[in-house]
C-alpha atoms as a PDB file:
ATOM      1  CA  UNK A   1      13.476 -10.849   7.567  1.00  0.00           C
ATOM      2  CA  UNK A   2      12.314 -13.985   6.521  1.00  0.00           C
ATOM      3  CA  UNK A   3      12.873 -13.493   2.508  1.00  0.00           C
ATOM      4  CA  UNK A   4      11.184 -16.552   1.420  1.00  0.00           C
ATOM      5  CA  UNK A   5       7.896 -14.746   3.352  1.00  0.00           C
ATOM      6  CA  UNK A   6       7.973 -11.877   1.041  1.00  0.00           C
ATOM      7  CA  UNK A   7       8.430 -13.753  -2.022  1.00  0.00           C
ATOM      8  CA  UNK A   8       5.814 -16.290  -1.085  1.00  0.00           C
ATOM      9  CA  UNK A   9       3.637 -13.006  -1.314  1.00  0.00           C
ATOM     10  CA  UNK A  10       4.559 -11.573  -4.211  1.00  0.00           C
ATOM     11  CA  UNK A  11       4.351 -15.107  -6.211  1.00  0.00           C
ATOM     12  CA  UNK A  12       0.879 -14.787  -5.087  1.00  0.00           C
ATOM     13  CA  UNK A  13      -0.097 -11.898  -6.015  1.00  0.00           C
ATOM     14  CA  UNK A  14       1.486 -12.125  -9.513  1.00  0.00           C
ATOM     15  CA  UNK A  15      -0.192 -15.872  -9.512  1.00  0.00           C
ATOM     16  CA  UNK A  16      -3.827 -13.626  -8.882  1.00  0.00           C
ATOM     17  CA  UNK A  17      -2.620 -10.995 -11.262  1.00  0.00           C
ATOM     18  CA  UNK A  18      -3.157  -8.583  -8.296  1.00  0.00           C
ATOM     19  CA  UNK A  19      -1.266  -5.271  -9.510  1.00  0.00           C
ATOM     20  CA  UNK A  20       1.606  -4.379  -6.746  1.00  0.00           C
ATOM     21  CA  UNK A  21       4.834  -1.902  -6.689  1.00  0.00           C
ATOM     22  CA  UNK A  22       7.671  -1.817  -4.001  1.00  0.00           C
ATOM     23  CA  UNK A  23       9.261   0.375  -2.455  1.00  0.00           C
ATOM     24  CA  UNK A  24      10.961   1.286   1.470  1.00  0.00           C
ATOM     25  CA  UNK A  25       9.870   2.812   4.354  1.00  0.00           C
ATOM     26  CA  UNK A  26      11.091   3.162   7.813  1.00  0.00           C
ATOM     27  CA  UNK A  27      12.816  -0.397   8.262  1.00  0.00           C
ATOM     28  CA  UNK A  28      10.155  -2.250   6.084  1.00  0.00           C
ATOM     29  CA  UNK A  29       9.735  -3.376   2.844  1.00  0.00           C
ATOM     30  CA  UNK A  30       6.634  -1.911   1.518  1.00  0.00           C
ATOM     31  CA  UNK A  31       4.055  -3.825  -1.005  1.00  0.00           C
ATOM     32  CA  UNK A  32       1.525  -1.632  -2.091  1.00  0.00           C
ATOM     33  CA  UNK A  33      -1.214  -2.673  -3.659  1.00  0.00           C
ATOM     34  CA  UNK A  34      -4.364  -0.878  -5.296  1.00  0.00           C
ATOM     35  CA  UNK A  35      -7.478  -2.338  -6.295  1.00  0.00           C
ATOM     36  CA  UNK A  36     -10.758  -1.224  -7.115  1.00  0.00           C
ATOM     37  CA  UNK A  37     -11.665   1.030  -4.125  1.00  0.00           C
ATOM     38  CA  UNK A  38      -9.184  -0.067  -2.275  1.00  0.00           C
ATOM     39  CA  UNK A  39      -5.315   0.293  -1.274  1.00  0.00           C
ATOM     40  CA  UNK A  40      -3.369  -1.822   0.967  1.00  0.00           C
ATOM     41  CA  UNK A  41       0.174  -1.332   2.087  1.00  0.00           C
ATOM     42  CA  UNK A  42       1.896  -4.290   3.440  1.00  0.00           C
ATOM     43  CA  UNK A  43       5.079  -4.029   5.138  1.00  0.00           C
ATOM     44  CA  UNK A  44       7.677  -6.956   5.442  1.00  0.00           C
ATOM     45  CA  UNK A  45      10.054  -6.117   8.929  1.00  0.00           C
ATOM     46  CA  UNK A  46      13.510  -7.307   8.926  1.00  0.00           C
ATOM     47  CA  UNK A  47      12.331  -9.032  13.149  1.00  0.00           C
ATOM     48  CA  UNK A  48      10.043 -11.175  10.259  1.00  0.00           C
ATOM     49  CA  UNK A  49       6.608  -9.349  11.597  1.00  0.00           C
ATOM     50  CA  UNK A  50       4.399  -8.082   9.413  1.00  0.00           C
ATOM     51  CA  UNK A  51       1.922  -5.198   9.655  1.00  0.00           C
ATOM     52  CA  UNK A  52      -0.953  -4.442   6.778  1.00  0.00           C
ATOM     53  CA  UNK A  53      -3.216  -1.140   6.580  1.00  0.00           C
ATOM     54  CA  UNK A  54      -6.272  -1.123   4.027  1.00  0.00           C
ATOM     55  CA  UNK A  55      -7.563   2.192   2.726  1.00  0.00           C
ATOM     56  CA  UNK A  56     -11.439   2.073   1.807  1.00  0.00           C
ATOM     57  CA  UNK A  57     -13.011   4.567  -0.916  1.00  0.00           C
ATOM     58  CA  UNK A  58     -16.380   5.469   0.488  1.00  0.00           C
ATOM     59  CA  UNK A  59     -17.454   5.549  -3.284  1.00  0.00           C
ATOM     60  CA  UNK A  60     -17.765   9.557  -3.227  1.00  0.00           C
ATOM     61  CA  UNK A  61     -16.220  11.477  -6.020  1.00  0.00           C
ATOM     62  CA  UNK A  62     -15.399  15.009  -5.353  1.00  0.00           C
ATOM     63  CA  UNK A  63     -14.653  17.604  -8.091  1.00  0.00           C
ATOM     64  CA  UNK A  64     -11.245  19.402  -8.263  1.00  0.00           C
ATOM     65  CA  UNK A  65     -12.038  22.290  -5.316  1.00  0.00           C
ATOM     66  CA  UNK A  66     -10.720  19.353  -3.576  1.00  0.00           C
ATOM     67  CA  UNK A  67      -7.018  19.656  -3.944  1.00  0.00           C
ATOM     68  CA  UNK A  68      -7.734  23.250  -1.706  1.00  0.00           C
ATOM     69  CA  UNK A  69      -7.652  21.211   1.271  1.00  0.00           C
ATOM     70  CA  UNK A  70      -4.788  18.886   0.008  1.00  0.00           C
ATOM     71  CA  UNK A  71      -2.468  21.849  -0.403  1.00  0.00           C
ATOM     72  CA  UNK A  72      -3.473  23.171   2.953  1.00  0.00           C
ATOM     73  CA  UNK A  73      -3.787  20.449   5.152  1.00  0.00           C
ATOM     74  CA  UNK A  74      -0.236  18.568   3.745  1.00  0.00           C
ATOM     75  CA  UNK A  75       2.253  21.493   2.266  1.00  0.00           C
ATOM     76  CA  UNK A  76       4.958  22.418   4.491  1.00  0.00           C
END
């Protein structure tokens, strides 16, 4: 992974005052970004490629009964 590419990306996020968190997933460094109505996942891999996944909200607000789906569909 080009650490310089990752650092430049993080510096740009900081310069633009875009909040992010860092993590590790699979064999990559994960940058998670949350902005109004969207969440972004940007992964930096050792072979120098990047993957960007973007989750966009429909704006639909649901009540707490929606949590039943979370626990039903995603529990072990």
